[in-house]
N, C-alpha and C. Protein backbone atom coordinates (compact mmCIF):
# COMPACT_ATOMS: atom_id res chain seq x y z
N UNK A 1 -79.64 22.35 6.39
CA UNK A 1 -78.77 23.21 7.17
C UNK A 1 -77.62 22.40 7.74
N UNK A 2 -76.53 23.11 8.01
CA UNK A 2 -75.31 22.49 8.50
C UNK A 2 -74.88 23.18 9.78
N UNK A 3 -74.53 22.40 10.77
CA UNK A 3 -73.97 22.97 11.99
C UNK A 3 -72.51 23.26 11.74
N UNK A 4 -72.06 24.38 12.23
CA UNK A 4 -70.68 24.77 12.04
C UNK A 4 -70.12 25.27 13.36
N UNK A 5 -68.96 24.79 13.74
CA UNK A 5 -68.27 25.26 14.94
C UNK A 5 -67.54 26.55 14.57
N UNK A 6 -67.29 27.43 15.51
CA UNK A 6 -66.66 28.72 15.21
C UNK A 6 -65.31 28.57 14.52
N UNK A 7 -64.61 27.47 14.73
CA UNK A 7 -63.34 27.22 14.06
C UNK A 7 -63.54 26.76 12.64
N UNK A 8 -64.75 26.81 12.13
CA UNK A 8 -65.12 26.46 10.77
C UNK A 8 -64.99 24.97 10.48
N UNK A 9 -65.13 24.13 11.47
CA UNK A 9 -65.13 22.69 11.26
C UNK A 9 -66.57 22.21 11.26
N UNK A 10 -66.94 21.47 10.23
CA UNK A 10 -68.30 20.95 10.19
C UNK A 10 -68.42 19.84 11.22
N UNK A 11 -69.41 19.95 12.09
CA UNK A 11 -69.52 18.97 13.16
C UNK A 11 -70.90 18.31 13.17
N UNK A 12 -71.67 18.54 12.14
CA UNK A 12 -72.98 17.89 12.06
C UNK A 12 -73.14 17.39 10.63
N UNK A 13 -73.19 16.10 10.48
CA UNK A 13 -73.34 15.51 9.16
C UNK A 13 -74.34 14.37 9.24
N UNK A 14 -75.06 14.18 8.17
CA UNK A 14 -75.96 13.03 8.03
C UNK A 14 -76.96 12.93 9.19
N UNK A 15 -77.40 14.08 9.70
CA UNK A 15 -78.40 14.07 10.75
C UNK A 15 -77.88 13.70 12.13
N UNK A 16 -76.59 13.51 12.27
CA UNK A 16 -75.99 13.12 13.55
C UNK A 16 -75.30 14.34 14.16
N UNK A 17 -75.84 14.89 15.21
CA UNK A 17 -75.25 16.07 15.84
C UNK A 17 -74.29 15.64 16.94
N UNK A 18 -73.09 16.16 16.88
CA UNK A 18 -72.07 15.90 17.90
C UNK A 18 -71.68 17.20 18.59
N UNK A 19 -72.56 18.16 18.56
CA UNK A 19 -72.26 19.49 19.04
C UNK A 19 -72.70 19.66 20.48
N UNK A 20 -71.79 20.14 21.31
CA UNK A 20 -72.14 20.41 22.68
C UNK A 20 -71.64 21.80 23.10
N UNK A 21 -70.82 22.42 22.23
CA UNK A 21 -70.19 23.71 22.58
C UNK A 21 -71.17 24.86 22.42
N UNK A 22 -71.06 25.90 23.25
CA UNK A 22 -71.94 27.06 23.15
C UNK A 22 -71.62 27.95 21.96
N UNK A 23 -70.45 27.73 21.32
CA UNK A 23 -70.05 28.57 20.20
C UNK A 23 -70.69 28.15 18.88
N UNK A 24 -71.63 27.23 18.92
CA UNK A 24 -72.25 26.72 17.71
C UNK A 24 -72.99 27.82 16.97
N UNK A 25 -72.97 27.73 15.66
CA UNK A 25 -73.69 28.67 14.82
C UNK A 25 -74.43 27.85 13.77
N UNK A 26 -75.69 28.18 13.55
CA UNK A 26 -76.47 27.48 12.54
C UNK A 26 -76.40 28.29 11.24
N UNK A 27 -75.81 27.71 10.20
CA UNK A 27 -75.67 28.39 8.92
C UNK A 27 -76.46 27.68 7.84
N UNK A 28 -77.09 28.45 6.97
CA UNK A 28 -77.74 27.82 5.84
C UNK A 28 -76.68 27.57 4.75
N UNK A 29 -77.06 26.85 3.73
CA UNK A 29 -76.13 26.45 2.67
C UNK A 29 -75.45 27.66 2.01
N UNK A 30 -76.17 28.72 1.73
CA UNK A 30 -75.62 29.91 1.09
C UNK A 30 -74.57 30.59 1.94
N UNK A 31 -74.83 30.72 3.23
CA UNK A 31 -73.87 31.36 4.13
C UNK A 31 -72.62 30.50 4.29
N UNK A 32 -72.81 29.19 4.31
CA UNK A 32 -71.67 28.28 4.42
C UNK A 32 -70.78 28.39 3.19
N UNK A 33 -71.38 28.43 2.00
CA UNK A 33 -70.59 28.59 0.76
C UNK A 33 -69.84 29.91 0.77
N UNK A 34 -70.49 30.97 1.21
CA UNK A 34 -69.84 32.28 1.27
C UNK A 34 -68.66 32.25 2.24
N UNK A 35 -68.84 31.66 3.40
CA UNK A 35 -67.77 31.55 4.38
C UNK A 35 -66.58 30.78 3.81
N UNK A 36 -66.84 29.68 3.15
CA UNK A 36 -65.76 28.89 2.55
C UNK A 36 -65.07 29.68 1.45
N UNK A 37 -65.83 30.36 0.60
CA UNK A 37 -65.26 31.16 -0.48
C UNK A 37 -64.34 32.25 0.07
N UNK A 38 -64.77 32.93 1.10
CA UNK A 38 -63.97 33.99 1.71
C UNK A 38 -62.66 33.43 2.26
N UNK A 39 -62.73 32.28 2.91
CA UNK A 39 -61.51 31.67 3.49
C UNK A 39 -60.55 31.21 2.40
N UNK A 40 -61.07 30.65 1.31
CA UNK A 40 -60.22 30.20 0.21
C UNK A 40 -59.56 31.40 -0.47
N UNK A 41 -60.33 32.46 -0.71
CA UNK A 41 -59.76 33.67 -1.32
C UNK A 41 -58.70 34.31 -0.43
N UNK A 42 -58.91 34.29 0.86
CA UNK A 42 -57.93 34.84 1.79
C UNK A 42 -56.64 34.02 1.77
N UNK A 43 -56.76 32.71 1.61
CA UNK A 43 -55.59 31.84 1.60
C UNK A 43 -54.80 32.01 0.30
N UNK A 44 -55.50 32.05 -0.84
CA UNK A 44 -54.84 32.13 -2.15
C UNK A 44 -54.72 33.57 -2.63
N UNK A 45 -54.13 34.43 -1.84
CA UNK A 45 -53.92 35.82 -2.21
C UNK A 45 -52.82 35.93 -3.27
N UNK A 46 -52.97 36.90 -4.16
CA UNK A 46 -51.98 37.10 -5.21
C UNK A 46 -50.58 37.32 -4.66
N UNK A 47 -50.48 37.99 -3.51
CA UNK A 47 -49.16 38.28 -2.95
C UNK A 47 -48.41 37.02 -2.52
N UNK A 48 -49.09 35.90 -2.44
CA UNK A 48 -48.43 34.64 -2.07
C UNK A 48 -47.87 33.89 -3.27
N UNK A 49 -48.17 34.37 -4.47
CA UNK A 49 -47.66 33.77 -5.70
C UNK A 49 -46.49 34.58 -6.22
N UNK A 50 -45.47 33.90 -6.72
CA UNK A 50 -44.30 34.61 -7.23
C UNK A 50 -43.86 33.99 -8.55
N UNK A 51 -43.62 34.85 -9.54
CA UNK A 51 -43.09 34.41 -10.82
C UNK A 51 -41.87 35.26 -11.13
N UNK A 52 -40.78 34.71 -11.49
CA UNK A 52 -40.45 33.28 -11.49
C UNK A 52 -40.35 32.74 -10.07
N UNK A 53 -40.40 31.43 -9.92
CA UNK A 53 -40.38 30.85 -8.57
C UNK A 53 -39.08 31.13 -7.83
N UNK A 54 -37.99 31.22 -8.58
CA UNK A 54 -36.69 31.53 -7.96
C UNK A 54 -36.15 32.77 -8.65
N UNK A 55 -36.33 33.91 -7.99
CA UNK A 55 -35.81 35.17 -8.52
C UNK A 55 -34.40 35.40 -7.99
N UNK A 56 -33.78 36.49 -8.40
CA UNK A 56 -32.39 36.77 -8.01
C UNK A 56 -32.20 36.86 -6.50
N UNK A 57 -33.05 37.60 -5.75
CA UNK A 57 -32.86 37.64 -4.29
C UNK A 57 -32.98 36.26 -3.62
N UNK A 58 -33.95 35.46 -4.07
CA UNK A 58 -34.11 34.12 -3.48
C UNK A 58 -32.91 33.25 -3.81
N UNK A 59 -32.39 33.38 -5.04
CA UNK A 59 -31.24 32.58 -5.47
C UNK A 59 -30.00 32.97 -4.67
N UNK A 60 -29.81 34.27 -4.43
CA UNK A 60 -28.66 34.73 -3.63
C UNK A 60 -28.74 34.21 -2.20
N UNK A 61 -29.94 34.29 -1.62
CA UNK A 61 -30.14 33.79 -0.25
C UNK A 61 -29.84 32.30 -0.18
N UNK A 62 -30.34 31.56 -1.16
CA UNK A 62 -30.11 30.11 -1.23
C UNK A 62 -28.61 29.82 -1.30
N UNK A 63 -27.89 30.51 -2.19
CA UNK A 63 -26.46 30.28 -2.34
C UNK A 63 -25.70 30.63 -1.06
N UNK A 64 -26.05 31.73 -0.42
CA UNK A 64 -25.41 32.11 0.84
C UNK A 64 -25.68 31.11 1.95
N UNK A 65 -26.95 30.68 2.05
CA UNK A 65 -27.31 29.69 3.07
C UNK A 65 -26.57 28.38 2.85
N UNK A 66 -26.51 27.93 1.59
CA UNK A 66 -25.82 26.66 1.28
C UNK A 66 -24.33 26.78 1.60
N UNK A 67 -23.74 27.95 1.31
CA UNK A 67 -22.32 28.16 1.61
C UNK A 67 -22.06 28.12 3.12
N UNK A 68 -23.08 28.48 3.91
CA UNK A 68 -22.96 28.46 5.37
C UNK A 68 -23.43 27.14 5.98
N UNK A 69 -23.65 26.12 5.14
CA UNK A 69 -23.98 24.79 5.63
C UNK A 69 -25.45 24.51 5.88
N UNK A 70 -26.33 25.42 5.48
CA UNK A 70 -27.76 25.18 5.67
C UNK A 70 -28.29 24.26 4.57
N UNK A 71 -29.30 23.49 4.93
CA UNK A 71 -29.85 22.50 4.02
C UNK A 71 -31.21 22.94 3.50
N UNK A 72 -31.42 22.75 2.23
CA UNK A 72 -32.71 23.05 1.61
C UNK A 72 -33.43 21.75 1.27
N UNK A 73 -34.73 21.86 1.12
CA UNK A 73 -35.53 20.68 0.79
C UNK A 73 -35.25 20.20 -0.63
N UNK A 74 -34.68 21.06 -1.46
CA UNK A 74 -34.44 20.76 -2.86
C UNK A 74 -32.94 20.70 -3.11
N UNK A 75 -32.47 19.68 -3.86
CA UNK A 75 -31.04 19.61 -4.17
C UNK A 75 -30.68 20.65 -5.25
N UNK A 76 -29.41 20.87 -5.46
CA UNK A 76 -28.95 21.93 -6.37
C UNK A 76 -29.39 21.71 -7.82
N UNK A 77 -29.42 20.47 -8.28
CA UNK A 77 -29.83 20.17 -9.66
C UNK A 77 -31.29 20.53 -9.86
N UNK A 78 -32.13 20.14 -8.93
CA UNK A 78 -33.55 20.46 -9.02
C UNK A 78 -33.77 21.97 -8.86
N UNK A 79 -32.99 22.61 -7.98
CA UNK A 79 -33.08 24.06 -7.80
C UNK A 79 -32.81 24.78 -9.13
N UNK A 80 -31.71 24.37 -9.81
CA UNK A 80 -31.37 25.00 -11.09
C UNK A 80 -32.43 24.75 -12.15
N UNK A 81 -32.99 23.56 -12.17
CA UNK A 81 -34.04 23.26 -13.15
C UNK A 81 -35.26 24.15 -12.91
N UNK A 82 -35.60 24.36 -11.68
CA UNK A 82 -36.75 25.20 -11.35
C UNK A 82 -36.43 26.67 -11.56
N UNK A 83 -35.20 27.05 -11.32
CA UNK A 83 -34.79 28.45 -11.50
C UNK A 83 -34.96 28.90 -12.95
N UNK A 84 -34.77 27.99 -13.88
CA UNK A 84 -34.87 28.34 -15.29
C UNK A 84 -36.18 27.88 -15.92
N UNK A 85 -37.14 27.47 -15.10
CA UNK A 85 -38.46 27.03 -15.61
C UNK A 85 -39.33 28.27 -15.82
N UNK A 86 -39.63 28.57 -17.07
CA UNK A 86 -40.40 29.78 -17.41
C UNK A 86 -41.91 29.57 -17.32
N UNK A 87 -42.34 28.38 -16.94
CA UNK A 87 -43.78 28.08 -16.96
C UNK A 87 -44.35 27.74 -15.60
N UNK A 88 -43.74 28.21 -14.55
CA UNK A 88 -44.26 27.90 -13.23
C UNK A 88 -44.08 29.10 -12.29
N UNK A 89 -44.73 29.03 -11.16
CA UNK A 89 -44.58 30.06 -10.14
C UNK A 89 -44.51 29.36 -8.79
N UNK A 90 -44.12 30.09 -7.78
CA UNK A 90 -44.09 29.52 -6.43
C UNK A 90 -45.27 30.06 -5.64
N UNK A 91 -45.60 29.34 -4.58
CA UNK A 91 -46.70 29.72 -3.70
C UNK A 91 -46.21 29.60 -2.27
N UNK A 92 -46.32 30.68 -1.51
CA UNK A 92 -45.93 30.70 -0.10
C UNK A 92 -47.17 30.76 0.76
N UNK A 93 -47.27 29.83 1.70
CA UNK A 93 -48.46 29.75 2.56
C UNK A 93 -48.05 29.61 4.03
N UNK A 94 -48.88 30.13 4.93
CA UNK A 94 -48.55 30.04 6.35
C UNK A 94 -48.84 28.64 6.90
N UNK A 95 -47.97 28.19 7.80
CA UNK A 95 -48.22 26.92 8.49
C UNK A 95 -48.59 27.14 9.95
N UNK A 96 -48.22 28.29 10.47
CA UNK A 96 -48.65 28.70 11.80
C UNK A 96 -48.45 30.21 11.89
N UNK A 97 -48.53 30.75 13.06
CA UNK A 97 -48.46 32.20 13.24
C UNK A 97 -47.11 32.80 12.83
N UNK A 98 -46.04 32.00 12.90
CA UNK A 98 -44.71 32.53 12.66
C UNK A 98 -44.00 31.94 11.45
N UNK A 99 -44.42 30.80 10.96
CA UNK A 99 -43.70 30.10 9.91
C UNK A 99 -44.53 29.98 8.63
N UNK A 100 -43.82 29.84 7.52
CA UNK A 100 -44.47 29.63 6.24
C UNK A 100 -43.66 28.62 5.42
N UNK A 101 -44.25 28.11 4.36
CA UNK A 101 -43.60 27.18 3.44
C UNK A 101 -43.79 27.73 2.03
N UNK A 102 -42.79 27.47 1.18
CA UNK A 102 -42.89 27.87 -0.22
C UNK A 102 -42.77 26.62 -1.08
N UNK A 103 -43.71 26.46 -2.01
CA UNK A 103 -43.73 25.31 -2.90
C UNK A 103 -43.82 25.78 -4.34
N UNK A 104 -43.44 24.90 -5.26
CA UNK A 104 -43.57 25.16 -6.69
C UNK A 104 -43.68 23.82 -7.40
N UNK A 105 -44.30 23.82 -8.57
CA UNK A 105 -44.38 22.60 -9.36
C UNK A 105 -43.18 22.55 -10.30
N UNK A 106 -42.43 21.47 -10.24
CA UNK A 106 -41.29 21.28 -11.13
C UNK A 106 -41.72 20.37 -12.28
N UNK A 107 -41.74 20.93 -13.49
CA UNK A 107 -42.13 20.10 -14.64
C UNK A 107 -41.05 19.07 -14.94
N UNK A 108 -39.81 19.37 -14.63
CA UNK A 108 -38.73 18.41 -14.86
C UNK A 108 -38.88 17.20 -13.93
N UNK A 109 -39.20 17.46 -12.65
CA UNK A 109 -39.37 16.37 -11.69
C UNK A 109 -40.79 15.82 -11.69
N UNK A 110 -41.71 16.56 -12.30
CA UNK A 110 -43.13 16.19 -12.37
C UNK A 110 -43.76 16.03 -10.99
N UNK A 111 -43.43 16.99 -10.11
CA UNK A 111 -44.02 16.98 -8.78
C UNK A 111 -43.88 18.36 -8.13
N UNK A 112 -44.60 18.56 -7.05
CA UNK A 112 -44.49 19.77 -6.26
C UNK A 112 -43.31 19.63 -5.31
N UNK A 113 -42.51 20.68 -5.24
CA UNK A 113 -41.30 20.64 -4.39
C UNK A 113 -41.30 21.84 -3.44
N UNK A 114 -40.64 21.67 -2.32
CA UNK A 114 -40.46 22.77 -1.36
C UNK A 114 -39.22 23.56 -1.72
N UNK A 115 -39.32 24.88 -1.63
CA UNK A 115 -38.18 25.76 -1.95
C UNK A 115 -37.48 26.28 -0.71
N UNK A 116 -38.08 26.12 0.44
CA UNK A 116 -37.49 26.72 1.64
C UNK A 116 -36.45 25.79 2.26
N UNK A 117 -35.68 26.37 3.18
CA UNK A 117 -34.64 25.58 3.82
C UNK A 117 -35.23 24.73 4.95
N UNK A 118 -34.54 23.69 5.26
CA UNK A 118 -34.93 22.78 6.33
C UNK A 118 -34.30 23.23 7.63
N UNK A 119 -34.93 22.89 8.72
CA UNK A 119 -34.37 23.21 10.04
C UNK A 119 -33.10 22.39 10.24
N UNK A 120 -32.04 23.05 10.64
CA UNK A 120 -30.76 22.33 10.86
C UNK A 120 -30.58 22.02 12.33
């Protein structure tokens, strides 16, 4: 069995209990796997994936933002390479209650890149 804190952080490993909070819940292995599966499925929802990674509305927004002096995490050359990449999609995920990030794999750059703008 594994001790689990309500925030879903494992706090008991290798027989060493570090739990003092009243919110503790004792879960068996099956329930723990189910909880993790549900959280992963909730995070990787289909609506967070977009193909192509840079569609016309996103491209227009990017061009307008750049014309107004806003900075993006990706330079224009990499943006164009990703815009015409027919074998990838983007993924948007939350970073907190109000903000999100969008990433995509660039086969030309051979790495994951951010598509969103940077804070100016």
